[in-house]
Amino acid sequence: MQQVVFYTREKCQLCEDAKQILNLLQDDYLFEVVEKDIESSDEWTEKYGLMIPVIEIDGEIVQYGQIDPFTVSKRLQQKS
C-alpha cells in the first residue's frame, strides 16, 4: 500500500483543509496517511515550519501550503 506522509500542526486551517482532501482521495486511491506533527520535532519545525501542510509521497514533496486534490491525485495515479 502506498504511503502518504502528511506534515501538519495543530490550529492550522490549511492543514485541516488538506486533511479533508486526503480523506476524500482515499475513496478513490488505496493509500495510508501517516500524519506527523511538526511540533514534535525540532528538525521538522525548522524544515517545514513555513511550508505546512506538506504532502510527501515516496520521499518526494508533492505539494505544500495550499493543497489541491488534482495535484495530489495526479501523483497518486502515477503509482497506482
N, C-alpha and C. Protein backbone atom coordinates (compact mmCIF):
# COMPACT_ATOMS: atom_id res chain seq x y z
N MET A 1 0.84 -1.18 0.00
CA MET A 1 0.00 0.00 0.00
C MET A 1 0.89 1.25 0.00
N GLN A 2 0.48 2.19 -0.80
CA GLN A 2 1.21 3.44 -0.89
C GLN A 2 1.06 4.25 0.39
N GLN A 3 2.11 4.98 0.75
CA GLN A 3 2.10 5.75 1.98
C GLN A 3 2.25 7.24 1.64
N VAL A 4 1.37 8.05 2.23
CA VAL A 4 1.42 9.50 2.09
C VAL A 4 1.77 10.08 3.45
N VAL A 5 2.88 10.80 3.51
CA VAL A 5 3.28 11.45 4.75
C VAL A 5 2.70 12.86 4.73
N PHE A 6 2.01 13.19 5.81
CA PHE A 6 1.31 14.47 5.93
C PHE A 6 1.88 15.23 7.12
N TYR A 7 2.70 16.24 6.83
CA TYR A 7 3.26 17.08 7.89
C TYR A 7 2.26 18.18 8.22
N THR A 8 1.96 18.33 9.50
CA THR A 8 0.90 19.23 9.94
C THR A 8 1.24 19.81 11.30
N ARG A 9 0.36 20.64 11.81
CA ARG A 9 0.45 21.13 13.20
C ARG A 9 -0.96 21.51 13.63
N GLU A 10 -1.13 21.62 14.94
CA GLU A 10 -2.44 22.00 15.48
C GLU A 10 -2.77 23.44 15.13
N LYS A 11 -4.07 23.74 15.12
CA LYS A 11 -4.57 25.09 14.88
C LYS A 11 -4.09 25.65 13.55
N CYS A 12 -4.15 24.83 12.52
CA CYS A 12 -3.72 25.22 11.17
C CYS A 12 -4.88 24.93 10.22
N GLN A 13 -5.54 25.98 9.76
CA GLN A 13 -6.71 25.79 8.89
C GLN A 13 -6.34 25.14 7.55
N LEU A 14 -5.21 25.53 6.98
CA LEU A 14 -4.78 24.89 5.73
C LEU A 14 -4.55 23.39 5.93
N CYS A 15 -4.05 23.03 7.12
CA CYS A 15 -3.82 21.61 7.43
C CYS A 15 -5.15 20.86 7.51
N GLU A 16 -6.16 21.49 8.13
CA GLU A 16 -7.48 20.87 8.23
C GLU A 16 -8.07 20.66 6.83
N ASP A 17 -7.92 21.66 5.97
CA ASP A 17 -8.41 21.56 4.60
C ASP A 17 -7.70 20.43 3.86
N ALA A 18 -6.38 20.35 4.03
CA ALA A 18 -5.60 19.31 3.36
C ALA A 18 -6.00 17.92 3.85
N LYS A 19 -6.27 17.81 5.15
CA LYS A 19 -6.67 16.52 5.72
C LYS A 19 -7.99 16.05 5.10
N GLN A 20 -8.92 16.98 4.91
CA GLN A 20 -10.20 16.63 4.26
C GLN A 20 -9.97 16.16 2.83
N ILE A 21 -9.07 16.82 2.12
CA ILE A 21 -8.75 16.42 0.74
C ILE A 21 -8.18 15.00 0.73
N LEU A 22 -7.25 14.72 1.65
CA LEU A 22 -6.67 13.37 1.71
C LEU A 22 -7.74 12.33 2.03
N ASN A 23 -8.64 12.65 2.95
CA ASN A 23 -9.72 11.71 3.28
C ASN A 23 -10.60 11.44 2.06
N LEU A 24 -10.90 12.47 1.30
CA LEU A 24 -11.71 12.28 0.09
C LEU A 24 -10.98 11.45 -0.95
N LEU A 25 -9.68 11.69 -1.11
CA LEU A 25 -8.90 10.94 -2.10
C LEU A 25 -8.79 9.47 -1.74
N GLN A 26 -8.90 9.14 -0.45
CA GLN A 26 -8.83 7.74 -0.05
C GLN A 26 -10.03 6.94 -0.56
N ASP A 27 -11.09 7.63 -0.96
CA ASP A 27 -12.23 6.94 -1.57
C ASP A 27 -11.87 6.41 -2.96
N ASP A 28 -10.90 7.06 -3.62
CA ASP A 28 -10.54 6.70 -5.00
C ASP A 28 -9.20 5.97 -5.12
N TYR A 29 -8.33 6.17 -4.16
CA TYR A 29 -6.99 5.59 -4.22
C TYR A 29 -6.69 4.85 -2.92
N LEU A 30 -5.89 3.79 -3.07
CA LEU A 30 -5.50 3.00 -1.91
C LEU A 30 -4.18 3.54 -1.37
N PHE A 31 -4.24 4.25 -0.25
CA PHE A 31 -3.03 4.75 0.39
C PHE A 31 -3.28 4.96 1.88
N GLU A 32 -2.18 4.94 2.60
CA GLU A 32 -2.21 5.15 4.04
C GLU A 32 -1.65 6.54 4.33
N VAL A 33 -2.31 7.28 5.21
CA VAL A 33 -1.83 8.59 5.61
C VAL A 33 -1.06 8.46 6.92
N VAL A 34 0.18 8.92 6.92
CA VAL A 34 0.99 8.96 8.12
C VAL A 34 1.11 10.43 8.50
N GLU A 35 0.41 10.81 9.56
CA GLU A 35 0.36 12.20 9.97
C GLU A 35 1.50 12.48 10.95
N LYS A 36 2.26 13.54 10.68
CA LYS A 36 3.39 13.90 11.53
C LYS A 36 3.24 15.36 11.95
N ASP A 37 3.12 15.56 13.25
CA ASP A 37 3.01 16.91 13.81
C ASP A 37 4.41 17.50 13.88
N ILE A 38 4.64 18.59 13.13
CA ILE A 38 6.00 19.15 13.09
C ILE A 38 6.44 19.70 14.44
N GLU A 39 5.48 19.97 15.33
CA GLU A 39 5.82 20.49 16.66
C GLU A 39 6.54 19.43 17.51
N SER A 40 6.45 18.17 17.10
CA SER A 40 7.08 17.09 17.88
C SER A 40 8.55 16.90 17.53
N SER A 41 9.06 17.66 16.56
CA SER A 41 10.45 17.50 16.14
C SER A 41 11.03 18.87 15.75
N ASP A 42 12.13 19.24 16.38
CA ASP A 42 12.78 20.49 16.02
C ASP A 42 13.20 20.49 14.55
N GLU A 43 13.66 19.34 14.07
CA GLU A 43 14.08 19.22 12.68
C GLU A 43 12.91 19.50 11.73
N TRP A 44 11.76 18.89 12.01
CA TRP A 44 10.58 19.10 11.15
C TRP A 44 10.10 20.55 11.24
N THR A 45 10.13 21.12 12.45
CA THR A 45 9.70 22.51 12.61
C THR A 45 10.57 23.43 11.78
N GLU A 46 11.87 23.20 11.83
CA GLU A 46 12.80 24.04 11.07
C GLU A 46 12.62 23.83 9.57
N LYS A 47 12.44 22.58 9.16
CA LYS A 47 12.36 22.25 7.74
C LYS A 47 11.01 22.65 7.12
N TYR A 48 9.91 22.42 7.85
CA TYR A 48 8.58 22.59 7.27
C TYR A 48 7.75 23.71 7.89
N GLY A 49 8.30 24.41 8.89
CA GLY A 49 7.52 25.40 9.64
C GLY A 49 6.79 26.43 8.79
N LEU A 50 7.42 26.90 7.73
CA LEU A 50 6.80 27.91 6.87
C LEU A 50 6.06 27.31 5.69
N MET A 51 6.10 25.98 5.57
CA MET A 51 5.53 25.31 4.40
C MET A 51 4.21 24.59 4.67
N ILE A 52 3.94 24.24 5.91
CA ILE A 52 2.85 23.33 6.20
C ILE A 52 1.50 23.83 5.70
N PRO A 53 0.61 22.92 5.37
CA PRO A 53 0.80 21.47 5.37
C PRO A 53 1.70 21.02 4.22
N VAL A 54 2.34 19.87 4.42
CA VAL A 54 3.22 19.31 3.40
C VAL A 54 2.76 17.87 3.12
N ILE A 55 2.60 17.56 1.83
CA ILE A 55 2.25 16.21 1.39
C ILE A 55 3.49 15.61 0.74
N GLU A 56 3.91 14.45 1.26
CA GLU A 56 5.11 13.77 0.74
C GLU A 56 4.74 12.35 0.34
N ILE A 57 5.13 11.97 -0.86
CA ILE A 57 4.89 10.61 -1.35
C ILE A 57 6.21 10.06 -1.85
N ASP A 58 6.59 8.89 -1.36
CA ASP A 58 7.85 8.24 -1.74
C ASP A 58 9.05 9.18 -1.54
N GLY A 59 9.06 9.91 -0.43
CA GLY A 59 10.18 10.78 -0.12
C GLY A 59 10.23 12.07 -0.92
N GLU A 60 9.23 12.31 -1.75
CA GLU A 60 9.19 13.50 -2.60
C GLU A 60 8.05 14.41 -2.14
N ILE A 61 8.36 15.68 -1.93
CA ILE A 61 7.31 16.64 -1.58
C ILE A 61 6.47 16.89 -2.83
N VAL A 62 5.20 16.53 -2.74
CA VAL A 62 4.29 16.67 -3.87
C VAL A 62 3.66 18.05 -3.88
N GLN A 63 3.31 18.53 -2.70
CA GLN A 63 2.68 19.84 -2.60
C GLN A 63 2.76 20.34 -1.17
N TYR A 64 2.74 21.66 -1.01
CA TYR A 64 2.72 22.23 0.33
C TYR A 64 1.95 23.55 0.31
N GLY A 65 1.56 23.98 1.51
CA GLY A 65 0.77 25.22 1.60
C GLY A 65 -0.66 24.96 1.21
N GLN A 66 -1.07 25.56 0.12
CA GLN A 66 -2.44 25.38 -0.39
C GLN A 66 -2.49 24.06 -1.17
N ILE A 67 -3.13 23.06 -0.60
CA ILE A 67 -3.19 21.72 -1.20
C ILE A 67 -4.43 21.62 -2.08
N ASP A 68 -4.24 21.10 -3.30
CA ASP A 68 -5.42 20.89 -4.15
C ASP A 68 -5.50 19.41 -4.53
N PRO A 69 -6.72 18.90 -4.64
CA PRO A 69 -6.89 17.47 -4.89
C PRO A 69 -6.33 17.02 -6.24
N PHE A 70 -6.36 17.89 -7.25
CA PHE A 70 -5.89 17.50 -8.57
C PHE A 70 -4.42 17.12 -8.56
N THR A 71 -3.59 17.96 -7.96
CA THR A 71 -2.14 17.71 -7.94
C THR A 71 -1.81 16.42 -7.18
N VAL A 72 -2.44 16.23 -6.03
CA VAL A 72 -2.16 15.04 -5.23
C VAL A 72 -2.67 13.78 -5.94
N SER A 73 -3.89 13.84 -6.50
CA SER A 73 -4.43 12.65 -7.18
C SER A 73 -3.61 12.30 -8.41
N LYS A 74 -3.11 13.30 -9.11
CA LYS A 74 -2.26 13.04 -10.28
C LYS A 74 -1.02 12.26 -9.86
N ARG A 75 -0.43 12.63 -8.73
CA ARG A 75 0.75 11.94 -8.24
C ARG A 75 0.41 10.52 -7.76
N LEU A 76 -0.74 10.38 -7.13
CA LEU A 76 -1.16 9.04 -6.68
C LEU A 76 -1.42 8.12 -7.87
N GLN A 77 -1.93 8.66 -8.96
CA GLN A 77 -2.19 7.86 -10.16
C GLN A 77 -0.91 7.29 -10.75
N GLN A 78 0.18 8.03 -10.64
CA GLN A 78 1.45 7.58 -11.19
C GLN A 78 1.92 6.29 -10.53
N LYS A 79 1.50 6.07 -9.29
CA LYS A 79 1.97 4.91 -8.53
C LYS A 79 0.94 3.79 -8.48
N SER A 80 -0.26 4.04 -8.98
CA SER A 80 -1.33 3.03 -8.87
C SER A 80 -1.09 1.85 -9.80
